[in-house]
Protein backbone atom coordinates (compact mmCIF):
# COMPACT_ATOMS: atom_id res chain seq x y z
CA UNK A 1 -61.58 78.21 236.27
CA UNK A 2 -62.50 79.39 232.83
CA UNK A 3 -60.41 82.17 231.29
CA UNK A 4 -61.91 84.69 228.91
CA UNK A 5 -59.46 85.00 226.01
CA UNK A 6 -59.40 86.98 222.78
CA UNK A 7 -59.55 85.32 219.33
CA UNK A 8 -55.75 85.59 218.53
CA UNK A 9 -54.81 84.02 221.87
CA UNK A 10 -57.45 81.37 221.34
CA UNK A 11 -55.97 80.33 217.98
CA UNK A 12 -52.37 80.44 219.27
CA UNK A 13 -53.38 78.22 222.18
CA UNK A 14 -55.24 75.82 219.87
CA UNK A 15 -52.19 75.58 217.61
CA UNK A 16 -49.89 74.77 220.53
CA UNK A 17 -52.29 72.13 221.80
CA UNK A 18 -52.91 70.53 218.38
CA UNK A 19 -51.02 67.35 219.28
CA UNK A 20 -52.95 66.95 222.50
CA UNK A 21 -56.20 67.74 220.72
CA UNK A 22 -55.64 65.14 217.99
CA UNK A 23 -54.98 62.50 220.68
CA UNK A 24 -58.12 63.52 222.56
CA UNK A 25 -60.25 63.77 219.44
CA UNK A 26 -62.79 61.19 220.65
CA UNK A 27 -63.37 63.23 223.83
CA UNK A 28 -63.46 66.54 222.04
CA UNK A 29 -67.19 67.02 221.26
CA UNK A 30 -66.67 70.76 220.55
CA UNK A 31 -64.99 71.34 223.90
CA UNK A 32 -61.26 71.17 224.60
CA UNK A 33 -60.08 71.23 228.20
CA UNK A 34 -56.35 71.69 228.50
CA UNK A 35 -54.54 72.92 231.59
CA UNK A 36 -56.70 75.65 233.21
CA UNK A 37 -58.09 77.01 229.93
CA UNK A 38 -61.40 75.93 228.49
CA UNK A 39 -62.13 76.52 224.83
CA UNK A 40 -65.63 76.13 223.54
CA UNK A 41 -65.85 75.88 219.78
CA UNK A 42 -69.16 77.38 218.69
CA UNK A 43 -69.67 77.13 214.94
CA UNK A 44 -71.36 80.04 213.15
CA UNK A 45 -72.76 79.85 209.61
CA UNK A 46 -73.65 82.56 207.14
CA UNK A 47 -76.98 82.51 205.30
CA UNK A 48 -77.94 83.77 201.89
CA UNK A 49 -80.36 83.82 199.04
CA UNK A 50 -79.40 83.70 195.35
CA UNK A 51 -81.56 84.28 192.32
CA UNK A 52 -80.32 83.46 188.80
CA UNK A 53 -82.11 84.16 185.50
CA UNK A 54 -80.89 82.34 182.35
CA UNK A 55 -81.65 82.15 178.69
CA UNK A 56 -80.75 78.99 176.72
CA UNK A 57 -80.25 79.06 172.98
CA UNK A 58 -82.18 76.02 171.63
CA UNK A 59 -79.95 75.82 168.53
CA UNK A 60 -76.65 75.63 170.40
CA UNK A 61 -77.50 74.78 174.00
CA UNK A 62 -75.42 77.76 175.15
CA UNK A 63 -76.66 79.31 178.42
CA UNK A 64 -76.54 83.04 179.05
CA UNK A 65 -76.79 84.39 182.60
CA UNK A 66 -79.18 87.28 182.11
CA UNK A 67 -79.50 88.50 185.72
CA UNK A 68 -77.98 87.47 189.01
CA UNK A 69 -78.86 88.77 192.47
CA UNK A 70 -77.79 87.66 195.95
CA UNK A 71 -78.19 88.76 199.54
CA UNK A 72 -75.75 87.32 202.05
CA UNK A 73 -76.13 87.45 205.84
CA UNK A 74 -72.54 87.28 207.06
CA UNK A 75 -72.66 88.72 210.54
CA UNK A 76 -70.76 91.97 210.94
CA UNK A 77 -69.06 92.97 207.69
CA UNK A 78 -65.59 94.19 208.60
CA UNK A 79 -64.36 95.07 205.10
CA UNK A 80 -67.11 95.57 202.48
CA UNK A 81 -64.62 95.61 199.59
CA UNK A 82 -63.14 92.20 200.49
CA UNK A 83 -66.60 90.74 201.21
CA UNK A 84 -67.89 91.96 197.85
CA UNK A 85 -64.91 90.43 196.05
CA UNK A 86 -65.33 87.10 197.90
CA UNK A 87 -69.05 86.90 196.96
CA UNK A 88 -68.43 88.02 193.38
CA UNK A 89 -65.67 85.44 192.88
CA UNK A 90 -67.68 82.77 194.61
CA UNK A 91 -70.68 83.36 192.36
CA UNK A 92 -68.50 83.04 189.22
CA UNK A 93 -66.96 79.85 190.61
CA UNK A 94 -70.36 78.33 191.49
CA UNK A 95 -72.03 79.24 188.19
CA UNK A 96 -68.91 78.05 186.33
CA UNK A 97 -69.22 74.73 188.11
CA UNK A 98 -72.90 74.49 187.18
CA UNK A 99 -72.26 75.29 183.53
CA UNK A 100 -69.24 73.26 182.73
CA UNK A 101 -66.85 72.20 185.45
CA UNK A 102 -66.12 68.55 184.83
CA UNK A 103 -63.07 66.36 184.96
CA UNK A 104 -62.99 63.81 182.15
CA UNK A 105 -60.80 60.69 182.12
CA UNK A 106 -60.17 58.33 179.23
CA UNK A 107 -62.14 55.18 180.15
CA UNK A 108 -59.47 52.78 178.81
CA UNK A 109 -56.32 54.37 180.23
CA UNK A 110 -57.52 56.50 183.12
CA UNK A 111 -55.61 59.45 181.62
CA UNK A 112 -57.13 62.81 182.54
CA UNK A 113 -58.41 64.51 179.39
CA UNK A 114 -59.15 67.87 180.95
CA UNK A 115 -55.76 68.49 182.54
CA UNK A 116 -55.15 71.98 181.16
CA UNK A 117 -57.16 75.12 180.56
CA UNK A 118 -57.13 74.28 176.84
CA UNK A 119 -59.39 71.31 177.62
CA UNK A 120 -61.33 72.69 180.57
CA UNK A 121 -64.22 75.14 180.45
CA UNK A 122 -63.01 78.21 182.38
CA UNK A 123 -65.53 80.94 183.46
CA UNK A 124 -64.73 84.29 181.90
CA UNK A 125 -65.83 87.72 183.06
CA UNK A 126 -67.46 88.53 179.68
CA UNK A 127 -69.91 85.66 180.21
CA UNK A 128 -71.48 87.26 183.29
CA UNK A 129 -73.78 90.25 183.79
CA UNK A 130 -73.31 92.78 186.54
CA UNK A 131 -74.30 91.11 189.79
CA UNK A 132 -76.72 92.72 192.20
CA UNK A 133 -75.22 91.89 195.60
CA UNK A 134 -76.19 92.98 199.07
CA UNK A 135 -75.37 92.01 202.62
CA UNK A 136 -77.47 91.97 205.74
CA UNK A 137 -75.70 92.20 209.06
CA UNK A 138 -76.89 90.00 211.87
CA UNK A 139 -73.87 89.79 214.20
CA UNK A 140 -73.11 86.41 215.73
CA UNK A 141 -72.71 86.15 219.48
CA UNK A 142 -70.00 83.45 219.32
CA UNK A 143 -67.03 85.75 218.64
CA UNK A 144 -66.11 89.25 219.75
CA UNK A 145 -66.27 90.70 216.20
CA UNK A 146 -69.71 89.39 215.42
CA UNK A 147 -68.41 88.19 212.03
CA UNK A 148 -69.28 85.00 210.23
CA UNK A 149 -67.49 83.27 207.35
CA UNK A 150 -67.74 84.54 203.79
CA UNK A 151 -65.23 82.28 201.98
CA UNK A 152 -67.67 80.00 200.20
CA UNK A 153 -70.93 81.97 200.56
CA UNK A 154 -71.11 82.98 196.91
CA UNK A 155 -70.11 79.53 195.60
CA UNK A 156 -72.67 77.51 197.60
CA UNK A 157 -75.63 79.63 196.64
CA UNK A 158 -74.62 80.07 192.99
CA UNK A 159 -74.41 76.36 192.08
CA UNK A 160 -77.99 75.66 193.20
CA UNK A 161 -79.40 78.91 191.84
CA UNK A 162 -77.86 78.37 188.39
CA UNK A 163 -78.96 74.72 188.08
CA UNK A 164 -82.47 75.53 189.32
CA UNK A 165 -82.76 78.33 186.76
CA UNK A 166 -81.54 76.05 183.95
CA UNK A 167 -83.91 73.22 184.91
CA UNK A 168 -86.79 75.66 185.25
CA UNK A 169 -86.04 76.95 181.70
CA UNK A 170 -85.97 73.36 180.42
CA UNK A 171 -89.31 72.57 182.14
CA UNK A 172 -90.89 75.56 180.34
CA UNK A 173 -90.39 73.77 176.99
CA UNK A 174 -91.07 70.21 178.27
CA UNK A 175 -87.40 69.17 178.23
CA UNK A 176 -86.12 66.70 180.85
CA UNK A 177 -84.23 67.85 183.92
CA UNK A 178 -80.46 67.54 183.76
CA UNK A 179 -77.69 67.36 186.34
CA UNK A 180 -74.61 69.54 186.53
CA UNK A 181 -72.55 70.34 184.61
CA UNK A 182 -75.10 71.91 182.21
CA UNK A 183 -72.84 71.86 179.17
CA UNK A 184 -74.15 73.19 175.87
CA UNK A 185 -74.19 69.62 174.44
CA UNK A 186 -76.21 68.29 177.36
CA UNK A 187 -78.67 71.18 177.11
CA UNK A 188 -78.98 70.86 173.33
CA UNK A 189 -79.75 67.12 173.68
CA UNK A 190 -82.38 67.76 176.35
CA UNK A 191 -84.05 70.50 174.30
CA UNK A 192 -83.91 68.39 171.10
CA UNK A 193 -85.43 65.42 172.96
CA UNK A 194 -88.40 67.64 173.81
CA UNK A 195 -88.88 68.41 170.05
CA UNK A 196 -88.10 72.12 170.45
CA UNK A 197 -86.65 73.97 167.48
CA UNK A 198 -85.44 77.59 167.21
């Protein structure tokens, strides 16, 4: 029959059966039957809403994040301090990706040109305002704690929110939409193409 087991035992059992599971991958379909134990893997996803407000300097193409707010629904929040840090760091990572994260290679040699932080745009705390962050708890029924993942919640929402804010600002002046990364040069070219001057 089926055995009710706690989360730590569940993960220990999955680890010990990893070889068997990898062999039976085609039959897995979110259910692993091994010995007399039945494990049902029920995924659970967090939800969130992010709002980003930007100002773009038409002379330089530099983007300033003026305001940033987010509400994340993460199930039961077990440690608010850790959750706040995860969301905060994720937002900086996501906005940093939107504004400048790009790997550049030399087209003739294939040599990476952005291999160090001297050549790579790194997000810095001084470039960001205070974030307005909140959580809403809707416990999941698929685990005993009612918790959902928080690891990438800030990152996923921030990338889209930042790029949407940037493209909305460009649309206000008739500039063409751009794709990430929204580097100052790319923004300056888009604004200049629209005939906007400071």
